[in-house]
Amino acid sequence: MTHTKTEITAELVRDLLRDQHPDLADHPVELGARGWDNQLWRLGDDLAVRLPWATQTADELLLKEHRWLPDLAPHLPLPVPVPQRLGEPSERFPRSWIVTTWVPGEPADRAPATRPEAADSLAAFLTALHRPAPDGAPTGRGRGGPLSDHAGHFADGFAALTGAGLLADPDGVRAVWADALAAPEWEGPPLWLHGDLHPANVLTADGTFCGVIDFGDLFAGDPASDLSAPWLLLPDGAVDRFHRAYEPTVDAATLRRARGWAVLRAFVCISVGDDGLHGRLGGKESWGPPGQAALRRLIATADR
């Protein structure tokens, strides 16, 4: 992680707004969250400011959201952070930044979905999002292509989690991965994908989903990447309901690849949730349980 040299404070956010968007400068500003790529600052009741701070690619991801998300948002059944303004690099802050709408709700890692209806909500969202992308749509950062490209990630994650005693059934995990790796590749057109549907990027209220955030990894490719989400996000017993509601019906090969992607995402959640393995993020213990739940569900349905 390469943090920006400029300390981001409420005063800095107000200064940037005063310089480039003065009509917004008097709105209250408070820190919302520090993510992997960006910091999120709430701006009044309805807006948010997102500023890159932790990776070299964060500017590019924000600009991608600014370009594409306004076109996609009207077709999506859940609220998403729609870009409203673009902040240009300046002497005060030498990186691009954006103002978006604010999406209320609690991240699903801290407030998991508990109602079976959450499966219908997630299926409706992904059905609406997963449509053929136009020429010029962005490609994924190592996602959306063959699962075999990530064999090294699986091996590294498996070794680290096994060594730390964090895999309850290593043989079961290995079997799910081997089956996914043997599945035929995607032969359909590149579809729009969120690309990063981990529990902290999906919001809940009253036991179901109420919003999806952080589209920095938005890209076109194999839908199996996004279709890993049900195992990490839904309550026990709801994955089958998701697959009945999602359209078109997921073919067997895509379902197998999705299970492999779910293993990889579960590894990330478990490692981020364990300070000994991923302590640089800190305070993310809530990521571990969704990852463990996903592996348990995947192993339990390995023969289906």
C-alpha atoms as a PDB file:
ATOM      1  CA  MET A   1       0.000   0.000   0.000  1.00  0.00           C
ATOM      2  CA  THR A   2       1.349   3.418  -0.992  1.00  0.00           C
ATOM      3  CA  HIS A   3      -0.346   6.064   1.105  1.00  0.00           C
ATOM      4  CA  THR A   4      -0.667   9.585  -0.238  1.00  0.00           C
ATOM      5  CA  LYS A   5       1.795  11.985   1.355  1.00  0.00           C
ATOM      6  CA  THR A   6      -0.994  14.499   1.976  1.00  0.00           C
ATOM      7  CA  GLU A   7      -2.855  14.005   5.247  1.00  0.00           C
ATOM      8  CA  ILE A   8      -6.572  13.938   4.518  1.00  0.00           C
ATOM      9  CA  THR A   9      -8.632  15.861   7.068  1.00  0.00           C
ATOM     10  CA  ALA A  10     -12.051  17.478   7.205  1.00  0.00           C
ATOM     11  CA  GLU A  11     -10.302  20.825   6.738  1.00  0.00           C
ATOM     12  CA  LEU A  12      -8.610  19.580   3.560  1.00  0.00           C
ATOM     13  CA  VAL A  13     -11.920  18.309   2.173  1.00  0.00           C
ATOM     14  CA  ARG A  14     -13.543  21.689   2.837  1.00  0.00           C
ATOM     15  CA  ASP A  15     -10.611  23.506   1.212  1.00  0.00           C
ATOM     16  CA  LEU A  16     -10.826  21.350  -1.912  1.00  0.00           C
ATOM     17  CA  LEU A  17     -14.566  21.942  -2.167  1.00  0.00           C
ATOM     18  CA  ARG A  18     -14.118  25.675  -1.611  1.00  0.00           C
ATOM     19  CA  ASP A  19     -11.582  25.816  -4.454  1.00  0.00           C
ATOM     20  CA  GLN A  20     -13.431  23.686  -7.025  1.00  0.00           C
ATOM     21  CA  HIS A  21     -17.058  23.264  -5.904  1.00  0.00           C
ATOM     22  CA  PRO A  22     -17.754  26.230  -3.619  1.00  0.00           C
ATOM     23  CA  ASP A  23     -21.511  25.613  -3.544  1.00  0.00           C
ATOM     24  CA  LEU A  24     -20.809  22.453  -1.509  1.00  0.00           C
ATOM     25  CA  ALA A  25     -18.158  23.863   0.817  1.00  0.00           C
ATOM     26  CA  ASP A  26     -20.508  24.757   3.677  1.00  0.00           C
ATOM     27  CA  HIS A  27     -21.973  21.257   4.041  1.00  0.00           C
ATOM     28  CA  PRO A  28     -20.949  19.384   7.223  1.00  0.00           C
ATOM     29  CA  VAL A  29     -17.998  17.028   6.669  1.00  0.00           C
ATOM     30  CA  GLU A  30     -17.195  13.911   8.682  1.00  0.00           C
ATOM     31  CA  LEU A  31     -15.087  10.812   8.088  1.00  0.00           C
ATOM     32  CA  GLY A  32     -17.110   7.849   6.866  1.00  0.00           C
ATOM     33  CA  ALA A  33     -14.496   5.150   6.280  1.00  0.00           C
ATOM     34  CA  ARG A  34     -10.924   4.404   5.250  1.00  0.00           C
ATOM     35  CA  GLY A  35     -10.927   1.735   2.579  1.00  0.00           C
ATOM     36  CA  TRP A  36      -8.261  -0.118   0.652  1.00  0.00           C
ATOM     37  CA  ASP A  37      -7.982   2.522  -2.083  1.00  0.00           C
ATOM     38  CA  ASN A  38      -9.909   5.573  -0.882  1.00  0.00           C
ATOM     39  CA  GLN A  39     -11.119   7.534   2.078  1.00  0.00           C
ATOM     40  CA  LEU A  40     -14.838   8.294   2.247  1.00  0.00           C
ATOM     41  CA  TRP A  41     -16.031  11.542   3.824  1.00  0.00           C
ATOM     42  CA  ARG A  42     -19.724  12.177   4.302  1.00  0.00           C
ATOM     43  CA  LEU A  43     -20.828  15.551   2.950  1.00  0.00           C
ATOM     44  CA  GLY A  44     -24.074  16.768   4.459  1.00  0.00           C
ATOM     45  CA  ASP A  45     -26.992  14.342   4.406  1.00  0.00           C
ATOM     46  CA  ASP A  46     -26.966  13.227   0.785  1.00  0.00           C
ATOM     47  CA  LEU A  47     -23.413  13.371  -0.597  1.00  0.00           C
ATOM     48  CA  ALA A  48     -19.960  11.894  -0.013  1.00  0.00           C
ATOM     49  CA  VAL A  49     -16.413  12.807  -1.055  1.00  0.00           C
ATOM     50  CA  ARG A  50     -14.047   9.998  -2.017  1.00  0.00           C
ATOM     51  CA  LEU A  51     -10.326  10.704  -2.129  1.00  0.00           C
ATOM     52  CA  PRO A  52      -7.547   8.268  -3.084  1.00  0.00           C
ATOM     53  CA  TRP A  53      -5.051   7.646  -0.347  1.00  0.00           C
ATOM     54  CA  ALA A  54      -3.629   4.122  -0.255  1.00  0.00           C
ATOM     55  CA  THR A  55      -2.766   2.822  -3.721  1.00  0.00           C
ATOM     56  CA  GLN A  56      -1.284   4.172  -6.914  1.00  0.00           C
ATOM     57  CA  THR A  57      -4.274   2.982  -8.954  1.00  0.00           C
ATOM     58  CA  ALA A  58      -6.957   4.633  -6.807  1.00  0.00           C
ATOM     59  CA  ASP A  59      -7.206   7.725  -9.054  1.00  0.00           C
ATOM     60  CA  GLU A  60      -7.794   5.561 -12.108  1.00  0.00           C
ATOM     61  CA  LEU A  61     -10.538   3.614 -10.321  1.00  0.00           C
ATOM     62  CA  LEU A  62     -12.371   6.770  -9.286  1.00  0.00           C
ATOM     63  CA  LEU A  63     -12.211   8.144 -12.817  1.00  0.00           C
ATOM     64  CA  LYS A  64     -13.612   4.856 -14.097  1.00  0.00           C
ATOM     65  CA  GLU A  65     -16.577   5.170 -11.741  1.00  0.00           C
ATOM     66  CA  HIS A  66     -17.092   8.773 -12.848  1.00  0.00           C
ATOM     67  CA  ARG A  67     -17.161   7.667 -16.489  1.00  0.00           C
ATOM     68  CA  TRP A  68     -19.401   4.600 -16.341  1.00  0.00           C
ATOM     69  CA  LEU A  69     -21.518   4.485 -13.197  1.00  0.00           C
ATOM     70  CA  PRO A  70     -23.950   7.276 -14.157  1.00  0.00           C
ATOM     71  CA  ASP A  71     -24.927   5.175 -17.197  1.00  0.00           C
ATOM     72  CA  LEU A  72     -25.466   2.001 -15.166  1.00  0.00           C
ATOM     73  CA  ALA A  73     -27.075   3.364 -11.993  1.00  0.00           C
ATOM     74  CA  PRO A  74     -30.562   4.097 -13.435  1.00  0.00           C
ATOM     75  CA  HIS A  75     -30.946   0.427 -14.402  1.00  0.00           C
ATOM     76  CA  LEU A  76     -30.003  -0.983 -10.976  1.00  0.00           C
ATOM     77  CA  PRO A  77     -32.653  -1.867  -8.360  1.00  0.00           C
ATOM     78  CA  LEU A  78     -30.453  -0.991  -5.354  1.00  0.00           C
ATOM     79  CA  PRO A  79     -28.995   2.450  -4.562  1.00  0.00           C
ATOM     80  CA  VAL A  80     -25.369   2.969  -5.603  1.00  0.00           C
ATOM     81  CA  PRO A  81     -23.022   5.963  -5.125  1.00  0.00           C
ATOM     82  CA  VAL A  82     -23.621   7.959  -8.305  1.00  0.00           C
ATOM     83  CA  PRO A  83     -20.788  10.407  -9.163  1.00  0.00           C
ATOM     84  CA  GLN A  84     -21.944  14.044  -9.134  1.00  0.00           C
ATOM     85  CA  ARG A  85     -18.762  16.100  -9.373  1.00  0.00           C
ATOM     86  CA  LEU A  86     -15.129  15.528 -10.342  1.00  0.00           C
ATOM     87  CA  GLY A  87     -12.270  17.032  -8.390  1.00  0.00           C
ATOM     88  CA  GLU A  88      -9.140  17.828 -10.375  1.00  0.00           C
ATOM     89  CA  PRO A  89      -5.559  17.384  -9.086  1.00  0.00           C
ATOM     90  CA  SER A  90      -4.140  20.583  -7.587  1.00  0.00           C
ATOM     91  CA  GLU A  91      -1.246  21.838  -5.510  1.00  0.00           C
ATOM     92  CA  ARG A  92      -3.362  21.299  -2.412  1.00  0.00           C
ATOM     93  CA  PHE A  93      -4.120  17.652  -3.312  1.00  0.00           C
ATOM     94  CA  PRO A  94      -2.291  16.205  -6.341  1.00  0.00           C
ATOM     95  CA  ARG A  95      -4.818  13.469  -7.170  1.00  0.00           C
ATOM     96  CA  SER A  96      -8.275  13.235  -8.722  1.00  0.00           C
ATOM     97  CA  TRP A  97     -11.262  12.851  -6.392  1.00  0.00           C
ATOM     98  CA  ILE A  98     -15.044  12.670  -6.747  1.00  0.00           C
ATOM     99  CA  VAL A  99     -18.274  13.708  -5.070  1.00  0.00           C
ATOM    100  CA  THR A 100     -20.982  11.026  -5.131  1.00  0.00           C
ATOM    101  CA  THR A 101     -24.403  10.452  -3.684  1.00  0.00           C
ATOM    102  CA  TRP A 102     -24.419   9.000  -0.168  1.00  0.00           C
ATOM    103  CA  VAL A 103     -25.851   5.480   0.183  1.00  0.00           C
ATOM    104  CA  PRO A 104     -27.213   4.807   3.697  1.00  0.00           C
ATOM    105  CA  GLY A 105     -26.913   1.426   5.359  1.00  0.00           C
ATOM    106  CA  GLU A 106     -24.543  -0.762   7.359  1.00  0.00           C
ATOM    107  CA  PRO A 107     -21.782  -2.821   5.692  1.00  0.00           C
ATOM    108  CA  ALA A 108     -22.766  -6.476   5.550  1.00  0.00           C
ATOM    109  CA  ASP A 109     -19.620  -7.590   7.360  1.00  0.00           C
ATOM    110  CA  ARG A 110     -20.857  -5.722  10.440  1.00  0.00           C
ATOM    111  CA  ALA A 111     -24.603  -6.223   9.902  1.00  0.00           C
ATOM    112  CA  PRO A 112     -25.073  -9.420   7.858  1.00  0.00           C
ATOM    113  CA  ALA A 113     -28.227 -10.092   5.874  1.00  0.00           C
ATOM    114  CA  THR A 114     -30.510 -12.291   7.956  1.00  0.00           C
ATOM    115  CA  ARG A 115     -33.748 -12.494   5.941  1.00  0.00           C
ATOM    116  CA  PRO A 116     -34.228 -15.046   3.133  1.00  0.00           C
ATOM    117  CA  GLU A 117     -35.572 -12.208   0.952  1.00  0.00           C
ATOM    118  CA  ALA A 118     -32.003 -10.915   0.708  1.00  0.00           C
ATOM    119  CA  ALA A 119     -31.442 -13.612  -1.926  1.00  0.00           C
ATOM    120  CA  ASP A 120     -34.113 -12.030  -4.133  1.00  0.00           C
ATOM    121  CA  SER A 121     -32.610  -8.573  -3.673  1.00  0.00           C
ATOM    122  CA  LEU A 122     -29.104  -9.725  -4.594  1.00  0.00           C
ATOM    123  CA  ALA A 123     -30.390 -11.717  -7.563  1.00  0.00           C
ATOM    124  CA  ALA A 124     -32.361  -8.732  -8.880  1.00  0.00           C
ATOM    125  CA  PHE A 125     -29.312  -6.492  -8.587  1.00  0.00           C
ATOM    126  CA  LEU A 126     -26.966  -8.869 -10.414  1.00  0.00           C
ATOM    127  CA  THR A 127     -29.579  -9.722 -13.043  1.00  0.00           C
ATOM    128  CA  ALA A 128     -29.858  -5.999 -13.838  1.00  0.00           C
ATOM    129  CA  LEU A 129     -26.094  -5.393 -13.788  1.00  0.00           C
ATOM    130  CA  HIS A 130     -25.017  -8.456 -15.777  1.00  0.00           C
ATOM    131  CA  ARG A 131     -25.814  -7.249 -19.271  1.00  0.00           C
ATOM    132  CA  PRO A 132     -23.440  -7.126 -22.245  1.00  0.00           C
ATOM    133  CA  ALA A 133     -20.933  -4.302 -21.903  1.00  0.00           C
ATOM    134  CA  PRO A 134     -20.214  -1.934 -24.810  1.00  0.00           C
ATOM    135  CA  ASP A 135     -16.978  -1.729 -26.742  1.00  0.00           C
ATOM    136  CA  GLY A 136     -14.426   0.184 -24.704  1.00  0.00           C
ATOM    137  CA  ALA A 137     -15.677  -1.075 -21.348  1.00  0.00           C
ATOM    138  CA  PRO A 138     -12.861  -1.553 -18.817  1.00  0.00           C
ATOM    139  CA  THR A 139     -11.259  -4.924 -18.215  1.00  0.00           C
ATOM    140  CA  GLY A 140     -10.702  -6.444 -14.797  1.00  0.00           C
ATOM    141  CA  ARG A 141      -7.575  -6.213 -12.689  1.00  0.00           C
ATOM    142  CA  GLY A 142      -6.794  -9.909 -13.037  1.00  0.00           C
ATOM    143  CA  ARG A 143     -10.479 -10.814 -12.694  1.00  0.00           C
ATOM    144  CA  GLY A 144     -13.009 -11.947 -15.250  1.00  0.00           C
ATOM    145  CA  GLY A 145     -10.560 -14.195 -17.089  1.00  0.00           C
ATOM    146  CA  PRO A 146      -9.654 -17.869 -16.648  1.00  0.00           C
ATOM    147  CA  LEU A 147      -9.742 -19.118 -13.077  1.00  0.00           C
ATOM    148  CA  SER A 148      -6.482 -20.957 -13.778  1.00  0.00           C
ATOM    149  CA  ASP A 149      -4.732 -17.580 -13.804  1.00  0.00           C
ATOM    150  CA  HIS A 150      -5.297 -17.512 -10.037  1.00  0.00           C
ATOM    151  CA  ALA A 151      -3.914 -20.924  -9.175  1.00  0.00           C
ATOM    152  CA  GLY A 152      -0.952 -19.243  -7.495  1.00  0.00           C
ATOM    153  CA  HIS A 153      -3.257 -17.091  -5.361  1.00  0.00           C
ATOM    154  CA  PHE A 154      -5.115 -20.187  -4.245  1.00  0.00           C
ATOM    155  CA  ALA A 155      -1.875 -22.014  -3.387  1.00  0.00           C
ATOM    156  CA  ASP A 156      -0.511 -19.064  -1.398  1.00  0.00           C
ATOM    157  CA  GLY A 157      -3.766 -18.471   0.450  1.00  0.00           C
ATOM    158  CA  PHE A 158      -4.270 -22.158   1.171  1.00  0.00           C
ATOM    159  CA  ALA A 159      -0.762 -22.473   2.606  1.00  0.00           C
ATOM    160  CA  ALA A 160      -1.091 -19.350   4.749  1.00  0.00           C
ATOM    161  CA  LEU A 161      -4.515 -20.208   6.166  1.00  0.00           C
ATOM    162  CA  THR A 162      -3.649 -23.867   6.731  1.00  0.00           C
ATOM    163  CA  GLY A 163      -0.442 -22.879   8.477  1.00  0.00           C
ATOM    164  CA  ALA A 164      -2.375 -20.500  10.723  1.00  0.00           C
ATOM    165  CA  GLY A 165      -4.920 -23.175  11.576  1.00  0.00           C
ATOM    166  CA  LEU A 166      -7.753 -21.195   9.973  1.00  0.00           C
ATOM    167  CA  LEU A 167      -9.124 -23.890   7.638  1.00  0.00           C
ATOM    168  CA  ALA A 168     -11.439 -26.359   9.347  1.00  0.00           C
ATOM    169  CA  ASP A 169     -11.539 -28.736   6.360  1.00  0.00           C
ATOM    170  CA  PRO A 170      -8.519 -28.235   4.068  1.00  0.00           C
ATOM    171  CA  ASP A 171      -9.327 -31.298   1.967  1.00  0.00           C
ATOM    172  CA  GLY A 172     -12.863 -30.066   1.378  1.00  0.00           C
ATOM    173  CA  VAL A 173     -11.599 -26.646   0.287  1.00  0.00           C
ATOM    174  CA  ARG A 174      -9.083 -28.232  -2.065  1.00  0.00           C
ATOM    175  CA  ALA A 175     -11.817 -30.376  -3.630  1.00  0.00           C
ATOM    176  CA  VAL A 176     -14.085 -27.363  -4.298  1.00  0.00           C
ATOM    177  CA  TRP A 177     -11.192 -25.522  -5.922  1.00  0.00           C
ATOM    178  CA  ALA A 178     -10.133 -28.489  -8.080  1.00  0.00           C
ATOM    179  CA  ASP A 179     -13.671 -28.892  -9.399  1.00  0.00           C
ATOM    180  CA  ALA A 180     -13.917 -25.175 -10.208  1.00  0.00           C
ATOM    181  CA  LEU A 181     -10.567 -25.230 -11.974  1.00  0.00           C
ATOM    182  CA  ALA A 182     -11.731 -28.085 -14.198  1.00  0.00           C
ATOM    183  CA  ALA A 183     -14.885 -26.258 -15.340  1.00  0.00           C
ATOM    184  CA  PRO A 184     -15.089 -24.994 -18.959  1.00  0.00           C
ATOM    185  CA  GLU A 185     -14.263 -21.309 -19.465  1.00  0.00           C
ATOM    186  CA  TRP A 186     -16.825 -18.581 -20.173  1.00  0.00           C
ATOM    187  CA  GLU A 187     -17.767 -18.413 -23.864  1.00  0.00           C
ATOM    188  CA  GLY A 188     -20.407 -15.696 -23.709  1.00  0.00           C
ATOM    189  CA  PRO A 189     -20.018 -11.939 -24.285  1.00  0.00           C
ATOM    190  CA  PRO A 190     -18.254  -9.816 -21.649  1.00  0.00           C
ATOM    191  CA  LEU A 191     -20.889  -8.752 -19.097  1.00  0.00           C
ATOM    192  CA  TRP A 192     -20.820  -5.757 -16.769  1.00  0.00           C
ATOM    193  CA  LEU A 193     -19.552  -6.842 -13.326  1.00  0.00           C
ATOM    194  CA  HIS A 194     -19.165  -5.070 -10.011  1.00  0.00           C
ATOM    195  CA  GLY A 195     -15.924  -6.981  -9.523  1.00  0.00           C
ATOM    196  CA  ASP A 196     -15.533  -6.623  -5.750  1.00  0.00           C
ATOM    197  CA  LEU A 197     -18.650  -7.878  -3.965  1.00  0.00           C
ATOM    198  CA  HIS A 198     -17.117  -8.588  -0.581  1.00  0.00           C
ATOM    199  CA  PRO A 199     -19.258  -8.009   2.537  1.00  0.00           C
ATOM    200  CA  ALA A 200     -17.940  -4.499   3.245  1.00  0.00           C
ATOM    201  CA  ASN A 201     -19.110  -3.292  -0.188  1.00  0.00           C
ATOM    202  CA  VAL A 202     -22.751  -4.347   0.230  1.00  0.00           C
ATOM    203  CA  LEU A 203     -25.015  -2.464   2.647  1.00  0.00           C
ATOM    204  CA  THR A 204     -27.890  -3.797   4.723  1.00  0.00           C
ATOM    205  CA  ALA A 205     -30.929  -2.529   6.619  1.00  0.00           C
ATOM    206  CA  ASP A 206     -33.599  -4.557   8.409  1.00  0.00           C
ATOM    207  CA  GLY A 207     -31.909  -7.840   7.502  1.00  0.00           C
ATOM    208  CA  THR A 208     -31.712  -7.391   3.750  1.00  0.00           C
ATOM    209  CA  PHE A 209     -29.646  -5.464   1.208  1.00  0.00           C
ATOM    210  CA  CYS A 210     -30.208  -1.752   0.730  1.00  0.00           C
ATOM    211  CA  GLY A 211     -27.237  -0.622  -1.380  1.00  0.00           C
ATOM    212  CA  VAL A 212     -23.998  -1.541  -3.142  1.00  0.00           C
ATOM    213  CA  ILE A 213     -20.906   0.665  -2.996  1.00  0.00           C
ATOM    214  CA  ASP A 214     -17.339   0.931  -4.330  1.00  0.00           C
ATOM    215  CA  PHE A 215     -17.482   0.274  -8.060  1.00  0.00           C
ATOM    216  CA  GLY A 216     -13.770   0.922  -8.551  1.00  0.00           C
ATOM    217  CA  ASP A 217     -13.308  -2.595  -9.897  1.00  0.00           C
ATOM    218  CA  LEU A 218     -16.198  -2.273 -12.374  1.00  0.00           C
ATOM    219  CA  PHE A 219     -15.321  -4.209 -15.529  1.00  0.00           C
ATOM    220  CA  ALA A 220     -16.617  -6.495 -18.265  1.00  0.00           C
ATOM    221  CA  GLY A 221     -15.978 -10.234 -18.242  1.00  0.00           C
ATOM    222  CA  ASP A 222     -17.062 -13.651 -16.953  1.00  0.00           C
ATOM    223  CA  PRO A 223     -20.019 -13.292 -14.525  1.00  0.00           C
ATOM    224  CA  ALA A 224     -18.657 -16.122 -12.352  1.00  0.00           C
ATOM    225  CA  SER A 225     -16.615 -13.555 -10.439  1.00  0.00           C
ATOM    226  CA  ASP A 226     -19.734 -11.714  -9.205  1.00  0.00           C
ATOM    227  CA  LEU A 227     -21.723 -14.921  -8.833  1.00  0.00           C
ATOM    228  CA  SER A 228     -19.402 -15.926  -6.001  1.00  0.00           C
ATOM    229  CA  ALA A 229     -21.187 -13.358  -3.826  1.00  0.00           C
ATOM    230  CA  PRO A 230     -24.148 -15.452  -2.578  1.00  0.00           C
ATOM    231  CA  TRP A 231     -21.901 -17.758  -0.542  1.00  0.00           C
ATOM    232  CA  LEU A 232     -20.324 -14.796   1.274  1.00  0.00           C
ATOM    233  CA  LEU A 233     -23.325 -12.485   1.627  1.00  0.00           C
ATOM    234  CA  LEU A 234     -26.465 -14.524   2.177  1.00  0.00           C
ATOM    235  CA  PRO A 235     -27.768 -16.247   5.316  1.00  0.00           C
ATOM    236  CA  ASP A 236     -27.666 -20.021   5.595  1.00  0.00           C
ATOM    237  CA  GLY A 237     -30.091 -21.757   3.255  1.00  0.00           C
ATOM    238  CA  ALA A 238     -30.545 -18.802   0.888  1.00  0.00           C
ATOM    239  CA  VAL A 239     -28.017 -19.580  -1.870  1.00  0.00           C
ATOM    240  CA  ASP A 240     -30.408 -21.887  -3.720  1.00  0.00           C
ATOM    241  CA  ARG A 241     -33.093 -19.197  -3.550  1.00  0.00           C
ATOM    242  CA  PHE A 242     -30.657 -16.775  -5.169  1.00  0.00           C
ATOM    243  CA  HIS A 243     -30.042 -19.156  -8.051  1.00  0.00           C
ATOM    244  CA  ARG A 244     -33.779 -19.629  -8.594  1.00  0.00           C
ATOM    245  CA  ALA A 245     -34.268 -15.849  -8.765  1.00  0.00           C
ATOM    246  CA  TYR A 246     -31.234 -14.875 -10.861  1.00  0.00           C
ATOM    247  CA  GLU A 247     -31.816 -14.611 -14.619  1.00  0.00           C
ATOM    248  CA  PRO A 248     -30.825 -16.233 -16.851  1.00  0.00           C
ATOM    249  CA  THR A 249     -30.379 -19.511 -14.976  1.00  0.00           C
ATOM    250  CA  VAL A 250     -26.696 -20.025 -14.190  1.00  0.00           C
ATOM    251  CA  ASP A 251     -25.256 -22.836 -16.310  1.00  0.00           C
ATOM    252  CA  ALA A 252     -23.368 -25.656 -14.601  1.00  0.00           C
ATOM    253  CA  ALA A 253     -19.900 -24.550 -15.751  1.00  0.00           C
ATOM    254  CA  THR A 254     -20.399 -20.951 -14.583  1.00  0.00           C
ATOM    255  CA  LEU A 255     -21.695 -22.196 -11.242  1.00  0.00           C
ATOM    256  CA  ARG A 256     -18.572 -24.317 -10.781  1.00  0.00           C
ATOM    257  CA  ARG A 257     -16.296 -21.369 -11.620  1.00  0.00           C
ATOM    258  CA  ALA A 258     -18.294 -19.151  -9.268  1.00  0.00           C
ATOM    259  CA  ARG A 259     -17.608 -21.613  -6.454  1.00  0.00           C
ATOM    260  CA  GLY A 260     -13.898 -21.283  -7.171  1.00  0.00           C
ATOM    261  CA  TRP A 261     -14.116 -17.511  -7.051  1.00  0.00           C
ATOM    262  CA  ALA A 262     -15.987 -17.817  -3.759  1.00  0.00           C
ATOM    263  CA  VAL A 263     -13.075 -19.807  -2.325  1.00  0.00           C
ATOM    264  CA  LEU A 264     -10.610 -17.084  -3.336  1.00  0.00           C
ATOM    265  CA  ARG A 265     -12.807 -14.334  -1.873  1.00  0.00           C
ATOM    266  CA  ALA A 266     -13.280 -16.337   1.315  1.00  0.00           C
ATOM    267  CA  PHE A 267      -9.487 -16.622   1.640  1.00  0.00           C
ATOM    268  CA  VAL A 268      -9.168 -12.839   1.378  1.00  0.00           C
ATOM    269  CA  CYS A 269     -11.891 -12.249   3.958  1.00  0.00           C
ATOM    270  CA  ILE A 270     -10.359 -14.697   6.420  1.00  0.00           C
ATOM    271  CA  SER A 271      -6.853 -13.316   6.026  1.00  0.00           C
ATOM    272  CA  VAL A 272      -8.007  -9.688   6.317  1.00  0.00           C
ATOM    273  CA  GLY A 273      -9.978 -10.647   9.416  1.00  0.00           C
ATOM    274  CA  ASP A 274      -6.878 -12.109  11.072  1.00  0.00           C
ATOM    275  CA  ASP A 275      -4.406  -9.477  12.298  1.00  0.00           C
ATOM    276  CA  GLY A 276      -1.587 -11.991  12.185  1.00  0.00           C
ATOM    277  CA  LEU A 277      -2.003 -12.470   8.429  1.00  0.00           C
ATOM    278  CA  HIS A 278      -3.157  -9.060   7.260  1.00  0.00           C
ATOM    279  CA  GLY A 279      -2.527  -6.699  10.148  1.00  0.00           C
ATOM    280  CA  ARG A 280      -1.819  -3.698   7.929  1.00  0.00           C
ATOM    281  CA  LEU A 281      -5.544  -3.110   7.454  1.00  0.00           C
ATOM    282  CA  GLY A 282      -6.415  -3.539  11.135  1.00  0.00           C
ATOM    283  CA  GLY A 283      -9.868  -3.390  12.671  1.00  0.00           C
ATOM    284  CA  LYS A 284     -11.327  -5.795  10.090  1.00  0.00           C
ATOM    285  CA  GLU A 285     -12.111  -8.746  12.337  1.00  0.00           C
ATOM    286  CA  SER A 286     -15.678  -8.688  11.005  1.00  0.00           C
ATOM    287  CA  TRP A 287     -14.405  -9.931   7.616  1.00  0.00           C
ATOM    288  CA  GLY A 288     -13.429 -13.349   8.968  1.00  0.00           C
ATOM    289  CA  PRO A 289     -16.863 -14.859   9.759  1.00  0.00           C
ATOM    290  CA  PRO A 290     -18.327 -14.336   6.245  1.00  0.00           C
ATOM    291  CA  GLY A 291     -15.266 -16.029   4.758  1.00  0.00           C
ATOM    292  CA  GLN A 292     -15.527 -18.998   7.092  1.00  0.00           C
ATOM    293  CA  ALA A 293     -19.272 -19.271   6.453  1.00  0.00           C
ATOM    294  CA  ALA A 294     -18.669 -19.278   2.694  1.00  0.00           C
ATOM    295  CA  LEU A 295     -16.188 -22.162   2.897  1.00  0.00           C
ATOM    296  CA  ARG A 296     -18.526 -24.144   5.128  1.00  0.00           C
ATOM    297  CA  ARG A 297     -21.420 -23.680   2.655  1.00  0.00           C
ATOM    298  CA  LEU A 298     -19.277 -24.515  -0.359  1.00  0.00           C
ATOM    299  CA  ILE A 299     -17.952 -27.716   1.181  1.00  0.00           C
ATOM    300  CA  ALA A 300     -21.426 -28.768   2.325  1.00  0.00           C
ATOM    301  CA  THR A 301     -22.713 -28.606  -1.255  1.00  0.00           C
ATOM    302  CA  ALA A 302     -19.600 -29.944  -2.973  1.00  0.00           C
ATOM    303  CA  ASP A 303     -21.398 -32.905  -4.587  1.00  0.00           C
ATOM    304  CA  ARG A 304     -24.363 -30.933  -5.922  1.00  0.00           C
END
